[in-house]
Amino acid sequence: MLGRFFIAAFTCAGLLLGVGCGTTTTVSTPAPFDAGCADPSVIEDAGDSIAVPDAGAPQCPSGICNYQAQTGCPADQACRPQFNAVSPDVSPGCEAAGTGKSGATCATGSDCASGYYCADNVCRKQCCAGDWSVCDTGESCFRSLEVKAGGNVIDSGMALCFPVDGCDPLDPSSCPGAPAQGCRIVDSQGSTACVPVGTAQPGDTCATANTCAAGSICSLGACRALCRADVCGEPACTASQGLCIRYSRDPAGVGECTPE
């Protein structure tokens, strides 16, 4: 049986940032100094630029076809994960394609066009390795597809483009009805989405974005608190967390508490 029948779960692809501080900064302070403000300083421009994602197609799992490029299959078929209930193997393979594209309703994979996958009864565009450049406007490549093969939940090596920018990473209540989720920055262009979050606190080490608790980000191997990138904005950084710096990878008005 084909992969479309055994969807198990979706997980956040995760954003692990390795960009350091920039060299050009704009430091704002209130005038006159507001004694009621714990730390009035904020670096509104880290002097960096939005990182271009690595090409996803070369990083898709090898096989007879390519999930993102959709090469290797006949014109009327689509390249999607193939697996069954007996074997733990998951590999790219060709199967019937339909006409549905991003947002179209679907019952099976054959309802979706080549390059799209039926997830939770909606056709979603396929991508690999967080390459958001191939996603439609208003979407990003951050949901990894896990499948149930041979009785085990396995990462297919493929991801899907999902809608973004529907939540505020500084507002704990912006992901209602999902206690295990929080609003997180999911790509290097500052897109946000409600995704699973961990329990690691600012200052703790992290290997993936999901390790850190809501309201923080995994950067250079450590969880860092997010802050309001505005003079005397709240939430603010504590003295031990450093300065509130807004990088190009952050949404408008959001910064990261960065050690000096």
C-alpha atoms as a PDB file:
ATOM      1  CA  MET A   1       0.000   0.000   0.000  1.00  0.00           C
ATOM      2  CA  LEU A   2       1.222   3.500  -0.704  1.00  0.00           C
ATOM      3  CA  GLY A   3       2.450   6.089   1.725  1.00  0.00           C
ATOM      4  CA  ARG A   4      -0.631   8.245   1.690  1.00  0.00           C
ATOM      5  CA  PHE A   5      -2.446   5.749   3.925  1.00  0.00           C
ATOM      6  CA  PHE A   6      -0.013   5.727   6.800  1.00  0.00           C
ATOM      7  CA  ILE A   7       0.558   9.341   7.892  1.00  0.00           C
ATOM      8  CA  ALA A   8       1.543   9.308  11.566  1.00  0.00           C
ATOM      9  CA  ALA A   9       2.546  12.795  12.566  1.00  0.00           C
ATOM     10  CA  PHE A  10       4.043  16.111  11.569  1.00  0.00           C
ATOM     11  CA  THR A  11       6.882  17.738  13.450  1.00  0.00           C
ATOM     12  CA  CYS A  12       8.519  21.110  13.222  1.00  0.00           C
ATOM     13  CA  ALA A  13      11.517  21.003  10.906  1.00  0.00           C
ATOM     14  CA  GLY A  14      13.203  23.300  13.378  1.00  0.00           C
ATOM     15  CA  LEU A  15      15.346  26.391  13.007  1.00  0.00           C
ATOM     16  CA  LEU A  16      18.827  26.158  14.454  1.00  0.00           C
ATOM     17  CA  LEU A  17      20.491  29.511  14.028  1.00  0.00           C
ATOM     18  CA  GLY A  18      24.216  29.981  13.735  1.00  0.00           C
ATOM     19  CA  VAL A  19      24.367  33.652  12.855  1.00  0.00           C
ATOM     20  CA  GLY A  20      26.411  35.823  15.167  1.00  0.00           C
ATOM     21  CA  CYS A  21      26.055  39.500  15.904  1.00  0.00           C
ATOM     22  CA  GLY A  22      26.480  41.895  13.000  1.00  0.00           C
ATOM     23  CA  THR A  23      28.819  44.831  12.912  1.00  0.00           C
ATOM     24  CA  THR A  24      26.465  47.718  12.119  1.00  0.00           C
ATOM     25  CA  THR A  25      24.156  48.666  14.956  1.00  0.00           C
ATOM     26  CA  THR A  26      21.638  51.315  15.834  1.00  0.00           C
ATOM     27  CA  VAL A  27      21.288  51.773  19.580  1.00  0.00           C
ATOM     28  CA  SER A  28      18.239  53.566  20.897  1.00  0.00           C
ATOM     29  CA  THR A  29      17.848  55.016  24.382  1.00  0.00           C
ATOM     30  CA  PRO A  30      15.049  57.168  25.767  1.00  0.00           C
ATOM     31  CA  ALA A  31      15.704  60.848  26.282  1.00  0.00           C
ATOM     32  CA  PRO A  32      15.659  61.669  29.047  1.00  0.00           C
ATOM     33  CA  PHE A  33      16.470  58.288  30.653  1.00  0.00           C
ATOM     34  CA  ASP A  34      13.381  56.605  32.032  1.00  0.00           C
ATOM     35  CA  ALA A  35      14.250  55.438  35.548  1.00  0.00           C
ATOM     36  CA  GLY A  36      11.247  53.093  35.505  1.00  0.00           C
ATOM     37  CA  CYS A  37      12.681  51.097  32.623  1.00  0.00           C
ATOM     38  CA  ALA A  38      14.886  48.149  33.632  1.00  0.00           C
ATOM     39  CA  ASP A  39      17.040  48.353  30.504  1.00  0.00           C
ATOM     40  CA  PRO A  40      16.207  51.078  27.955  1.00  0.00           C
ATOM     41  CA  SER A  41      18.799  49.954  25.414  1.00  0.00           C
ATOM     42  CA  VAL A  42      17.913  47.974  22.329  1.00  0.00           C
ATOM     43  CA  ILE A  43      19.934  47.283  19.189  1.00  0.00           C
ATOM     44  CA  GLU A  44      17.352  47.624  16.459  1.00  0.00           C
ATOM     45  CA  ASP A  45      19.621  46.613  13.576  1.00  0.00           C
ATOM     46  CA  ALA A  46      22.251  43.909  13.924  1.00  0.00           C
ATOM     47  CA  GLY A  47      23.625  44.778  10.508  1.00  0.00           C
ATOM     48  CA  ASP A  48      23.057  41.274   9.129  1.00  0.00           C
ATOM     49  CA  SER A  49      20.931  40.074   6.229  1.00  0.00           C
ATOM     50  CA  ILE A  50      18.316  37.380   5.675  1.00  0.00           C
ATOM     51  CA  ALA A  51      20.058  34.074   5.020  1.00  0.00           C
ATOM     52  CA  VAL A  52      19.209  32.388   1.729  1.00  0.00           C
ATOM     53  CA  PRO A  53      18.115  28.771   2.321  1.00  0.00           C
ATOM     54  CA  ASP A  54      20.216  25.946   0.963  1.00  0.00           C
ATOM     55  CA  ALA A  55      18.724  24.323  -2.123  1.00  0.00           C
ATOM     56  CA  GLY A  56      16.375  21.640  -0.847  1.00  0.00           C
ATOM     57  CA  ALA A  57      16.195  19.302  -3.842  1.00  0.00           C
ATOM     58  CA  PRO A  58      19.805  18.025  -3.554  1.00  0.00           C
ATOM     59  CA  GLN A  59      19.145  17.257   0.127  1.00  0.00           C
ATOM     60  CA  CYS A  60      16.038  15.133  -0.452  1.00  0.00           C
ATOM     61  CA  PRO A  61      16.496  11.378   0.143  1.00  0.00           C
ATOM     62  CA  SER A  62      18.023   9.631  -2.862  1.00  0.00           C
ATOM     63  CA  GLY A  63      15.839   7.329  -4.921  1.00  0.00           C
ATOM     64  CA  ILE A  64      14.192   6.892  -8.296  1.00  0.00           C
ATOM     65  CA  CYS A  65      12.654  10.377  -8.046  1.00  0.00           C
ATOM     66  CA  ASN A  66      13.008  13.663  -6.134  1.00  0.00           C
ATOM     67  CA  TYR A  67      10.369  14.935  -3.680  1.00  0.00           C
ATOM     68  CA  GLN A  68      11.011  18.636  -4.295  1.00  0.00           C
ATOM     69  CA  ALA A  69      12.104  18.758  -7.943  1.00  0.00           C
ATOM     70  CA  GLN A  70       9.535  16.117  -8.976  1.00  0.00           C
ATOM     71  CA  THR A  71      11.977  14.579 -11.423  1.00  0.00           C
ATOM     72  CA  GLY A  72      12.117  10.858 -12.210  1.00  0.00           C
ATOM     73  CA  CYS A  73       8.382  10.115 -12.572  1.00  0.00           C
ATOM     74  CA  PRO A  74       6.071  10.047 -15.623  1.00  0.00           C
ATOM     75  CA  ALA A  75       4.193  13.287 -16.304  1.00  0.00           C
ATOM     76  CA  ASP A  76       0.936  11.981 -14.831  1.00  0.00           C
ATOM     77  CA  GLN A  77       2.530  10.772 -11.573  1.00  0.00           C
ATOM     78  CA  ALA A  78       4.022  12.339  -8.452  1.00  0.00           C
ATOM     79  CA  CYS A  79       7.117  11.553  -6.384  1.00  0.00           C
ATOM     80  CA  ARG A  80       6.087  10.830  -2.782  1.00  0.00           C
ATOM     81  CA  PRO A  81       7.255   8.663   0.161  1.00  0.00           C
ATOM     82  CA  GLN A  82       6.464   4.977  -0.351  1.00  0.00           C
ATOM     83  CA  PHE A  83       6.079   2.669   2.660  1.00  0.00           C
ATOM     84  CA  ASN A  84       3.855  -0.036   4.115  1.00  0.00           C
ATOM     85  CA  ALA A  85       2.847  -1.667   7.401  1.00  0.00           C
ATOM     86  CA  VAL A  86       5.334  -4.540   7.075  1.00  0.00           C
ATOM     87  CA  SER A  87       8.704  -2.976   6.287  1.00  0.00           C
ATOM     88  CA  PRO A  88      10.400  -0.030   8.093  1.00  0.00           C
ATOM     89  CA  ASP A  89      11.820   1.177   4.775  1.00  0.00           C
ATOM     90  CA  VAL A  90      10.692   4.547   3.374  1.00  0.00           C
ATOM     91  CA  SER A  91      11.861   5.667  -0.065  1.00  0.00           C
ATOM     92  CA  PRO A  92      10.868   8.045  -2.883  1.00  0.00           C
ATOM     93  CA  GLY A  93       8.570   6.477  -5.457  1.00  0.00           C
ATOM     94  CA  CYS A  94       6.025   7.352  -8.120  1.00  0.00           C
ATOM     95  CA  GLU A  95       2.268   7.240  -7.658  1.00  0.00           C
ATOM     96  CA  ALA A  96      -0.908   8.678  -9.178  1.00  0.00           C
ATOM     97  CA  ALA A  97      -1.324  12.460  -9.142  1.00  0.00           C
ATOM     98  CA  GLY A  98      -4.395  14.652  -9.318  1.00  0.00           C
ATOM     99  CA  THR A  99      -4.899  18.403  -9.713  1.00  0.00           C
ATOM    100  CA  GLY A 100      -5.167  19.796  -6.163  1.00  0.00           C
ATOM    101  CA  LYS A 101      -2.574  22.337  -5.053  1.00  0.00           C
ATOM    102  CA  SER A 102      -1.897  24.293  -1.850  1.00  0.00           C
ATOM    103  CA  GLY A 103      -5.011  24.478   0.310  1.00  0.00           C
ATOM    104  CA  ALA A 104      -7.156  22.176  -1.845  1.00  0.00           C
ATOM    105  CA  THR A 105      -9.141  19.524   0.028  1.00  0.00           C
ATOM    106  CA  CYS A 106      -8.149  15.898  -0.514  1.00  0.00           C
ATOM    107  CA  ALA A 107      -9.047  12.408   0.625  1.00  0.00           C
ATOM    108  CA  THR A 108      -5.986  10.599  -0.767  1.00  0.00           C
ATOM    109  CA  GLY A 109      -2.689  11.542  -2.397  1.00  0.00           C
ATOM    110  CA  SER A 110      -4.176  10.936  -5.845  1.00  0.00           C
ATOM    111  CA  ASP A 111      -6.291  14.082  -5.312  1.00  0.00           C
ATOM    112  CA  CYS A 112      -3.170  16.287  -5.127  1.00  0.00           C
ATOM    113  CA  ALA A 113      -1.059  17.468  -8.053  1.00  0.00           C
ATOM    114  CA  SER A 114       2.546  16.453  -8.629  1.00  0.00           C
ATOM    115  CA  GLY A 115       4.685  18.138  -5.978  1.00  0.00           C
ATOM    116  CA  TYR A 116       1.889  18.167  -3.388  1.00  0.00           C
ATOM    117  CA  TYR A 117       1.011  15.756  -0.562  1.00  0.00           C
ATOM    118  CA  CYS A 118      -2.341  15.105   1.136  1.00  0.00           C
ATOM    119  CA  ALA A 119      -1.871  15.950   4.836  1.00  0.00           C
ATOM    120  CA  ASP A 120      -4.864  16.141   7.175  1.00  0.00           C
ATOM    121  CA  ASN A 121      -7.150  16.281   4.111  1.00  0.00           C
ATOM    122  CA  VAL A 122      -5.385  19.317   2.629  1.00  0.00           C
ATOM    123  CA  CYS A 123      -2.898  19.352  -0.262  1.00  0.00           C
ATOM    124  CA  ARG A 124       0.455  20.795   0.874  1.00  0.00           C
ATOM    125  CA  LYS A 125       3.487  21.605  -1.271  1.00  0.00           C
ATOM    126  CA  GLN A 126       6.466  19.284  -0.816  1.00  0.00           C
ATOM    127  CA  CYS A 127       9.942  20.561   0.096  1.00  0.00           C
ATOM    128  CA  CYS A 128      13.193  19.362   1.658  1.00  0.00           C
ATOM    129  CA  ALA A 129      15.698  20.650   4.237  1.00  0.00           C
ATOM    130  CA  GLY A 130      13.724  23.777   5.154  1.00  0.00           C
ATOM    131  CA  ASP A 131      13.949  25.297   1.664  1.00  0.00           C
ATOM    132  CA  TRP A 132      11.193  27.874   2.054  1.00  0.00           C
ATOM    133  CA  SER A 133      12.040  29.473  -1.302  1.00  0.00           C
ATOM    134  CA  VAL A 134       9.880  26.879  -3.101  1.00  0.00           C
ATOM    135  CA  CYS A 135       6.803  27.495  -0.930  1.00  0.00           C
ATOM    136  CA  ASP A 136       3.861  29.661  -1.968  1.00  0.00           C
ATOM    137  CA  THR A 137       3.514  33.178  -0.552  1.00  0.00           C
ATOM    138  CA  GLY A 138       2.425  33.040   3.092  1.00  0.00           C
ATOM    139  CA  GLU A 139       3.893  29.563   3.650  1.00  0.00           C
ATOM    140  CA  SER A 140       7.232  28.120   4.737  1.00  0.00           C
ATOM    141  CA  CYS A 141       8.952  24.711   4.716  1.00  0.00           C
ATOM    142  CA  PHE A 142       8.928  23.785   8.408  1.00  0.00           C
ATOM    143  CA  ARG A 143       6.741  20.715   8.902  1.00  0.00           C
ATOM    144  CA  SER A 144       8.677  17.446   8.613  1.00  0.00           C
ATOM    145  CA  LEU A 145       6.603  14.476   7.485  1.00  0.00           C
ATOM    146  CA  GLU A 146       6.784  11.402   9.711  1.00  0.00           C
ATOM    147  CA  VAL A 147       5.131   8.175   8.577  1.00  0.00           C
ATOM    148  CA  LYS A 148       4.242   4.868  10.193  1.00  0.00           C
ATOM    149  CA  ALA A 149       6.206   2.141   8.435  1.00  0.00           C
ATOM    150  CA  GLY A 150       6.638  -1.385   9.731  1.00  0.00           C
ATOM    151  CA  GLY A 151       5.018  -0.415  13.005  1.00  0.00           C
ATOM    152  CA  ASN A 152       7.485   2.441  13.641  1.00  0.00           C
ATOM    153  CA  VAL A 153       7.147   6.195  13.246  1.00  0.00           C
ATOM    154  CA  ILE A 154       9.902   7.234  10.837  1.00  0.00           C
ATOM    155  CA  ASP A 155      11.053  10.557   9.406  1.00  0.00           C
ATOM    156  CA  SER A 156      10.356  10.395   5.670  1.00  0.00           C
ATOM    157  CA  GLY A 157      13.077  12.923   4.856  1.00  0.00           C
ATOM    158  CA  MET A 158      10.471  15.148   3.220  1.00  0.00           C
ATOM    159  CA  ALA A 159       8.879  18.304   4.595  1.00  0.00           C
ATOM    160  CA  LEU A 160       5.770  20.290   3.712  1.00  0.00           C
ATOM    161  CA  CYS A 161       4.972  23.962   3.252  1.00  0.00           C
ATOM    162  CA  PHE A 162       2.451  25.239   5.818  1.00  0.00           C
ATOM    163  CA  PRO A 163       0.904  28.682   6.477  1.00  0.00           C
ATOM    164  CA  VAL A 164       2.921  31.093   8.638  1.00  0.00           C
ATOM    165  CA  ASP A 165       2.632  34.408  10.467  1.00  0.00           C
ATOM    166  CA  GLY A 166      -0.580  33.597  12.315  1.00  0.00           C
ATOM    167  CA  CYS A 167       0.831  34.089  15.819  1.00  0.00           C
ATOM    168  CA  ASP A 168       3.001  36.385  17.968  1.00  0.00           C
ATOM    169  CA  PRO A 169       6.186  34.817  19.438  1.00  0.00           C
ATOM    170  CA  LEU A 170       6.039  37.284  22.333  1.00  0.00           C
ATOM    171  CA  ASP A 171       2.444  36.416  23.249  1.00  0.00           C
ATOM    172  CA  PRO A 172       2.073  33.116  25.196  1.00  0.00           C
ATOM    173  CA  SER A 173      -1.642  33.002  24.364  1.00  0.00           C
ATOM    174  CA  SER A 174      -1.270  33.316  20.577  1.00  0.00           C
ATOM    175  CA  CYS A 175      -1.457  29.525  20.088  1.00  0.00           C
ATOM    176  CA  PRO A 176      -4.754  28.745  21.874  1.00  0.00           C
ATOM    177  CA  GLY A 177      -5.905  25.186  22.381  1.00  0.00           C
ATOM    178  CA  ALA A 178      -2.427  23.726  21.961  1.00  0.00           C
ATOM    179  CA  PRO A 179      -0.747  23.442  25.373  1.00  0.00           C
ATOM    180  CA  ALA A 180       2.280  21.619  23.956  1.00  0.00           C
ATOM    181  CA  GLN A 181       2.744  24.247  21.265  1.00  0.00           C
ATOM    182  CA  GLY A 182       4.069  27.762  21.169  1.00  0.00           C
ATOM    183  CA  CYS A 183       4.624  30.486  18.600  1.00  0.00           C
ATOM    184  CA  ARG A 184       8.120  30.080  17.197  1.00  0.00           C
ATOM    185  CA  ILE A 185      10.272  31.683  14.492  1.00  0.00           C
ATOM    186  CA  VAL A 186      10.447  28.901  11.898  1.00  0.00           C
ATOM    187  CA  ASP A 187      12.775  30.217   9.200  1.00  0.00           C
ATOM    188  CA  SER A 188      15.486  32.785   8.541  1.00  0.00           C
ATOM    189  CA  GLN A 189      13.079  35.336   7.076  1.00  0.00           C
ATOM    190  CA  GLY A 190      11.260  35.790  10.384  1.00  0.00           C
ATOM    191  CA  SER A 191       8.163  33.678   9.670  1.00  0.00           C
ATOM    192  CA  THR A 192       6.282  32.420  12.726  1.00  0.00           C
ATOM    193  CA  ALA A 193       3.972  29.471  13.361  1.00  0.00           C
ATOM    194  CA  CYS A 194       2.471  27.430  16.196  1.00  0.00           C
ATOM    195  CA  VAL A 195       4.731  24.391  16.628  1.00  0.00           C
ATOM    196  CA  PRO A 196       5.725  21.946  19.394  1.00  0.00           C
ATOM    197  CA  VAL A 197       8.001  23.492  22.011  1.00  0.00           C
ATOM    198  CA  GLY A 198      10.345  22.058  24.619  1.00  0.00           C
ATOM    199  CA  THR A 199      11.143  22.929  28.210  1.00  0.00           C
ATOM    200  CA  ALA A 200      14.738  24.229  27.994  1.00  0.00           C
ATOM    201  CA  GLN A 201      15.029  27.721  29.433  1.00  0.00           C
ATOM    202  CA  PRO A 202      17.148  30.690  28.253  1.00  0.00           C
ATOM    203  CA  GLY A 203      20.782  29.855  28.912  1.00  0.00           C
ATOM    204  CA  ASP A 204      20.282  26.094  28.558  1.00  0.00           C
ATOM    205  CA  THR A 205      21.999  24.254  25.720  1.00  0.00           C
ATOM    206  CA  CYS A 206      19.991  23.220  22.675  1.00  0.00           C
ATOM    207  CA  ALA A 207      20.510  21.103  19.586  1.00  0.00           C
ATOM    208  CA  THR A 208      17.218  21.792  17.822  1.00  0.00           C
ATOM    209  CA  ALA A 209      14.635  24.563  17.824  1.00  0.00           C
ATOM    210  CA  ASN A 210      12.074  22.303  19.525  1.00  0.00           C
ATOM    211  CA  THR A 211      14.333  21.983  22.585  1.00  0.00           C
ATOM    212  CA  CYS A 212      13.637  25.530  23.800  1.00  0.00           C
ATOM    213  CA  ALA A 213      10.515  26.661  25.620  1.00  0.00           C
ATOM    214  CA  ALA A 214       8.032  29.104  24.117  1.00  0.00           C
ATOM    215  CA  GLY A 215       9.305  32.669  24.065  1.00  0.00           C
ATOM    216  CA  SER A 216      12.865  31.667  23.229  1.00  0.00           C
ATOM    217  CA  ILE A 217      15.009  30.639  20.276  1.00  0.00           C
ATOM    218  CA  CYS A 218      17.882  28.208  19.754  1.00  0.00           C
ATOM    219  CA  SER A 219      20.898  30.195  18.573  1.00  0.00           C
ATOM    220  CA  LEU A 220      24.552  29.117  18.525  1.00  0.00           C
ATOM    221  CA  GLY A 221      23.781  26.087  20.692  1.00  0.00           C
ATOM    222  CA  ALA A 222      21.922  27.905  23.468  1.00  0.00           C
ATOM    223  CA  CYS A 223      18.330  28.939  24.158  1.00  0.00           C
ATOM    224  CA  ARG A 224      17.945  32.711  24.142  1.00  0.00           C
ATOM    225  CA  ALA A 225      14.930  34.652  25.345  1.00  0.00           C
ATOM    226  CA  LEU A 226      12.982  36.713  22.829  1.00  0.00           C
ATOM    227  CA  CYS A 227      12.364  40.366  23.650  1.00  0.00           C
ATOM    228  CA  ARG A 228      10.401  43.359  22.415  1.00  0.00           C
ATOM    229  CA  ALA A 229      12.762  45.247  20.070  1.00  0.00           C
ATOM    230  CA  ASP A 230      11.662  48.661  21.238  1.00  0.00           C
ATOM    231  CA  VAL A 231      12.959  51.105  23.816  1.00  0.00           C
ATOM    232  CA  CYS A 232      11.713  49.920  27.215  1.00  0.00           C
ATOM    233  CA  GLY A 233       9.671  47.252  25.460  1.00  0.00           C
ATOM    234  CA  GLU A 234       8.285  44.208  27.268  1.00  0.00           C
ATOM    235  CA  PRO A 235       9.286  41.487  27.590  1.00  0.00           C
ATOM    236  CA  ALA A 236      12.756  42.878  28.180  1.00  0.00           C
ATOM    237  CA  CYS A 237      16.101  41.138  28.684  1.00  0.00           C
ATOM    238  CA  THR A 238      17.488  40.723  32.177  1.00  0.00           C
ATOM    239  CA  ALA A 239      21.004  41.918  32.920  1.00  0.00           C
ATOM    240  CA  SER A 240      22.343  38.358  32.748  1.00  0.00           C
ATOM    241  CA  GLN A 241      20.677  37.721  29.365  1.00  0.00           C
ATOM    242  CA  GLY A 242      22.413  40.643  27.639  1.00  0.00           C
ATOM    243  CA  LEU A 243      21.073  43.186  25.153  1.00  0.00           C
ATOM    244  CA  CYS A 244      17.898  42.965  23.084  1.00  0.00           C
ATOM    245  CA  ILE A 245      19.135  42.736  19.508  1.00  0.00           C
ATOM    246  CA  ARG A 246      16.908  42.469  16.451  1.00  0.00           C
ATOM    247  CA  TYR A 247      18.383  40.377  13.648  1.00  0.00           C
ATOM    248  CA  SER A 248      17.058  40.217  10.106  1.00  0.00           C
ATOM    249  CA  ARG A 249      15.864  36.678  10.851  1.00  0.00           C
ATOM    250  CA  ASP A 250      13.485  38.051  13.514  1.00  0.00           C
ATOM    251  CA  PRO A 251       9.907  39.257  12.910  1.00  0.00           C
ATOM    252  CA  ALA A 252       9.206  42.994  13.066  1.00  0.00           C
ATOM    253  CA  GLY A 253       9.355  44.243  16.660  1.00  0.00           C
ATOM    254  CA  VAL A 254      11.016  41.078  17.976  1.00  0.00           C
ATOM    255  CA  GLY A 255      14.613  40.732  19.163  1.00  0.00           C
ATOM    256  CA  GLU A 256      16.831  38.184  20.885  1.00  0.00           C
ATOM    257  CA  CYS A 257      18.501  38.579  24.268  1.00  0.00           C
ATOM    258  CA  THR A 258      22.162  38.311  23.269  1.00  0.00           C
ATOM    259  CA  PRO A 259      25.058  38.130  25.740  1.00  0.00           C
ATOM    260  CA  GLU A 260      27.471  41.024  25.363  1.00  0.00           C
END
